[in-house]
C-alpha atoms as a PDB file:
ATOM      1  CA  UNK A   1     -33.211  25.295  60.239  1.00  0.00           C
ATOM      2  CA  UNK A   2     -31.050  24.044  62.873  1.00  0.00           C
ATOM      3  CA  UNK A   3     -29.480  20.931  63.058  1.00  0.00           C
ATOM      4  CA  UNK A   4     -28.421  19.135  66.799  1.00  0.00           C
ATOM      5  CA  UNK A   5     -24.826  18.154  68.184  1.00  0.00           C
ATOM      6  CA  UNK A   6     -26.241  14.580  67.750  1.00  0.00           C
ATOM      7  CA  UNK A   7     -27.509  15.118  64.229  1.00  0.00           C
ATOM      8  CA  UNK A   8     -23.534  15.891  62.857  1.00  0.00           C
ATOM      9  CA  UNK A   9     -21.545  12.997  64.817  1.00  0.00           C
ATOM     10  CA  UNK A  10     -24.585  10.311  62.923  1.00  0.00           C
ATOM     11  CA  UNK A  11     -23.896  12.034  59.365  1.00  0.00           C
ATOM     12  CA  UNK A  12     -19.836  11.466  59.502  1.00  0.00           C
ATOM     13  CA  UNK A  13     -20.522   7.964  60.265  1.00  0.00           C
ATOM     14  CA  UNK A  14     -17.981   6.231  57.619  1.00  0.00           C
ATOM     15  CA  UNK A  15     -15.171   8.531  59.372  1.00  0.00           C
ATOM     16  CA  UNK A  16     -16.718   7.483  62.499  1.00  0.00           C
ATOM     17  CA  UNK A  17     -15.555   3.552  62.397  1.00  0.00           C
ATOM     18  CA  UNK A  18     -12.154   5.117  61.674  1.00  0.00           C
ATOM     19  CA  UNK A  19     -11.970   6.763  64.618  1.00  0.00           C
ATOM     20  CA  UNK A  20     -13.162   4.634  66.474  1.00  0.00           C
ATOM     21  CA  UNK A  21     -10.383   2.172  64.886  1.00  0.00           C
ATOM     22  CA  UNK A  22      -7.576   4.910  65.697  1.00  0.00           C
ATOM     23  CA  UNK A  23      -9.531   6.151  69.376  1.00  0.00           C
ATOM     24  CA  UNK A  24      -9.931   9.770  67.751  1.00  0.00           C
ATOM     25  CA  UNK A  25     -13.312  12.017  68.874  1.00  0.00           C
ATOM     26  CA  UNK A  26     -15.322  14.368  67.119  1.00  0.00           C
ATOM     27  CA  UNK A  27     -16.476  16.623  69.264  1.00  0.00           C
ATOM     28  CA  UNK A  28     -18.969  18.821  67.966  1.00  0.00           C
ATOM     29  CA  UNK A  29     -19.156  22.211  70.130  1.00  0.00           C
ATOM     30  CA  UNK A  30     -21.203  24.357  68.355  1.00  0.00           C
ATOM     31  CA  UNK A  31     -24.491  23.613  65.663  1.00  0.00           C
ATOM     32  CA  UNK A  32     -25.511  27.964  66.012  1.00  0.00           C
ATOM     33  CA  UNK A  33     -26.820  28.998  62.350  1.00  0.00           C
ATOM     34  CA  UNK A  34     -25.711  26.435  61.238  1.00  0.00           C
ATOM     35  CA  UNK A  35     -21.849  27.155  61.568  1.00  0.00           C
ATOM     36  CA  UNK A  36     -20.544  23.851  63.202  1.00  0.00           C
ATOM     37  CA  UNK A  37     -17.725  23.920  65.505  1.00  0.00           C
ATOM     38  CA  UNK A  38     -15.580  20.492  65.524  1.00  0.00           C
ATOM     39  CA  UNK A  39     -12.578  19.594  67.156  1.00  0.00           C
ATOM     40  CA  UNK A  40     -10.861  15.937  66.976  1.00  0.00           C
ATOM     41  CA  UNK A  41      -9.309  14.835  69.826  1.00  0.00           C
ATOM     42  CA  UNK A  42      -7.812  11.339  70.981  1.00  0.00           C
ATOM     43  CA  UNK A  43      -6.486   9.888  68.444  1.00  0.00           C
ATOM     44  CA  UNK A  44      -6.211  12.614  66.062  1.00  0.00           C
ATOM     45  CA  UNK A  45      -4.303  14.288  68.331  1.00  0.00           C
ATOM     46  CA  UNK A  46      -1.074  14.927  66.383  1.00  0.00           C
ATOM     47  CA  UNK A  47      -2.448  12.323  63.832  1.00  0.00           C
ATOM     48  CA  UNK A  48      -0.518  12.881  60.008  1.00  0.00           C
ATOM     49  CA  UNK A  49      -4.298  11.628  59.073  1.00  0.00           C
ATOM     50  CA  UNK A  50      -6.372  14.510  60.601  1.00  0.00           C
ATOM     51  CA  UNK A  51      -5.876  16.559  57.793  1.00  0.00           C
ATOM     52  CA  UNK A  52      -7.968  14.222  55.534  1.00  0.00           C
ATOM     53  CA  UNK A  53      -9.914  12.601  58.314  1.00  0.00           C
ATOM     54  CA  UNK A  54     -11.361  16.223  58.576  1.00  0.00           C
ATOM     55  CA  UNK A  55     -11.787  16.893  54.830  1.00  0.00           C
ATOM     56  CA  UNK A  56     -14.257  13.725  54.850  1.00  0.00           C
ATOM     57  CA  UNK A  57     -16.123  15.364  57.701  1.00  0.00           C
ATOM     58  CA  UNK A  58     -16.105  18.231  55.856  1.00  0.00           C
ATOM     59  CA  UNK A  59     -17.165  17.101  52.543  1.00  0.00           C
ATOM     60  CA  UNK A  60     -20.375  15.440  53.833  1.00  0.00           C
ATOM     61  CA  UNK A  61     -21.233  17.731  56.465  1.00  0.00           C
ATOM     62  CA  UNK A  62     -21.481  20.621  53.127  1.00  0.00           C
ATOM     63  CA  UNK A  63     -23.828  18.492  51.621  1.00  0.00           C
ATOM     64  CA  UNK A  64     -26.273  18.852  54.325  1.00  0.00           C
ATOM     65  CA  UNK A  65     -28.856  21.910  53.887  1.00  0.00           C
ATOM     66  CA  UNK A  66     -28.839  22.939  57.701  1.00  0.00           C
ATOM     67  CA  UNK A  67     -25.315  23.493  57.499  1.00  0.00           C
ATOM     68  CA  UNK A  68     -23.910  26.452  56.397  1.00  0.00           C
ATOM     69  CA  UNK A  69     -20.165  26.170  57.801  1.00  0.00           C
ATOM     70  CA  UNK A  70     -18.158  23.500  59.483  1.00  0.00           C
ATOM     71  CA  UNK A  71     -15.254  24.904  61.499  1.00  0.00           C
ATOM     72  CA  UNK A  72     -12.403  22.658  62.983  1.00  0.00           C
ATOM     73  CA  UNK A  73     -10.936  24.532  66.259  1.00  0.00           C
ATOM     74  CA  UNK A  74      -7.918  23.040  66.005  1.00  0.00           C
ATOM     75  CA  UNK A  75      -6.481  23.609  62.934  1.00  0.00           C
ATOM     76  CA  UNK A  76      -6.991  20.336  61.394  1.00  0.00           C
ATOM     77  CA  UNK A  77      -8.104  21.406  57.460  1.00  0.00           C
ATOM     78  CA  UNK A  78      -5.779  23.763  56.231  1.00  0.00           C
ATOM     79  CA  UNK A  79      -7.339  25.800  53.519  1.00  0.00           C
ATOM     80  CA  UNK A  80      -6.279  24.652  50.276  1.00  0.00           C
ATOM     81  CA  UNK A  81      -7.913  21.593  51.406  1.00  0.00           C
ATOM     82  CA  UNK A  82     -11.143  23.571  52.156  1.00  0.00           C
ATOM     83  CA  UNK A  83     -11.279  24.803  49.048  1.00  0.00           C
ATOM     84  CA  UNK A  84     -10.209  21.614  46.724  1.00  0.00           C
ATOM     85  CA  UNK A  85     -14.007  20.434  49.267  1.00  0.00           C
ATOM     86  CA  UNK A  86     -15.798  23.692  48.285  1.00  0.00           C
ATOM     87  CA  UNK A  87     -14.735  23.827  43.872  1.00  0.00           C
ATOM     88  CA  UNK A  88     -15.450  20.096  43.951  1.00  0.00           C
ATOM     89  CA  UNK A  89     -18.828  20.601  45.354  1.00  0.00           C
ATOM     90  CA  UNK A  90     -19.951  23.705  43.697  1.00  0.00           C
ATOM     91  CA  UNK A  91     -18.203  20.988  40.167  1.00  0.00           C
ATOM     92  CA  UNK A  92     -20.938  18.279  41.020  1.00  0.00           C
ATOM     93  CA  UNK A  93     -23.338  21.117  41.200  1.00  0.00           C
ATOM     94  CA  UNK A  94     -22.888  22.176  38.406  1.00  0.00           C
ATOM     95  CA  UNK A  95     -23.128  18.512  36.540  1.00  0.00           C
ATOM     96  CA  UNK A  96     -26.277  18.070  38.148  1.00  0.00           C
ATOM     97  CA  UNK A  97     -28.255  21.085  37.308  1.00  0.00           C
ATOM     98  CA  UNK A  98     -30.811  20.729  34.694  1.00  0.00           C
ATOM     99  CA  UNK A  99     -28.529  23.314  32.501  1.00  0.00           C
ATOM    100  CA  UNK A 100     -25.824  20.629  32.232  1.00  0.00           C
ATOM    101  CA  UNK A 101     -21.884  20.184  33.186  1.00  0.00           C
ATOM    102  CA  UNK A 102     -20.152  23.268  34.442  1.00  0.00           C
ATOM    103  CA  UNK A 103     -16.712  23.966  34.608  1.00  0.00           C
ATOM    104  CA  UNK A 104     -14.901  25.319  37.473  1.00  0.00           C
ATOM    105  CA  UNK A 105     -12.272  28.453  36.376  1.00  0.00           C
END
């Protein structure tokens, strides 16, 4: 299952409103094999909130079945934030499964 750049941009919906207000731009560079390559440009360059913006985008996109990974080419998402989101999503999945709540160790 593939995903288009238009679908990616539509999925970041609420974040886009904030980006628009600050002249930020999400550029979709590639969507091959569900590996989404993005760049945060415009007002995002040099903005101290860019890692938080990237974290919100990563979280939104990783929920999509067609998305395997989200890569920010300019390093806007530090590894510790990526790990935090992945753990949060694992916990959410465990809590919503029929097996009952899970725990991150």
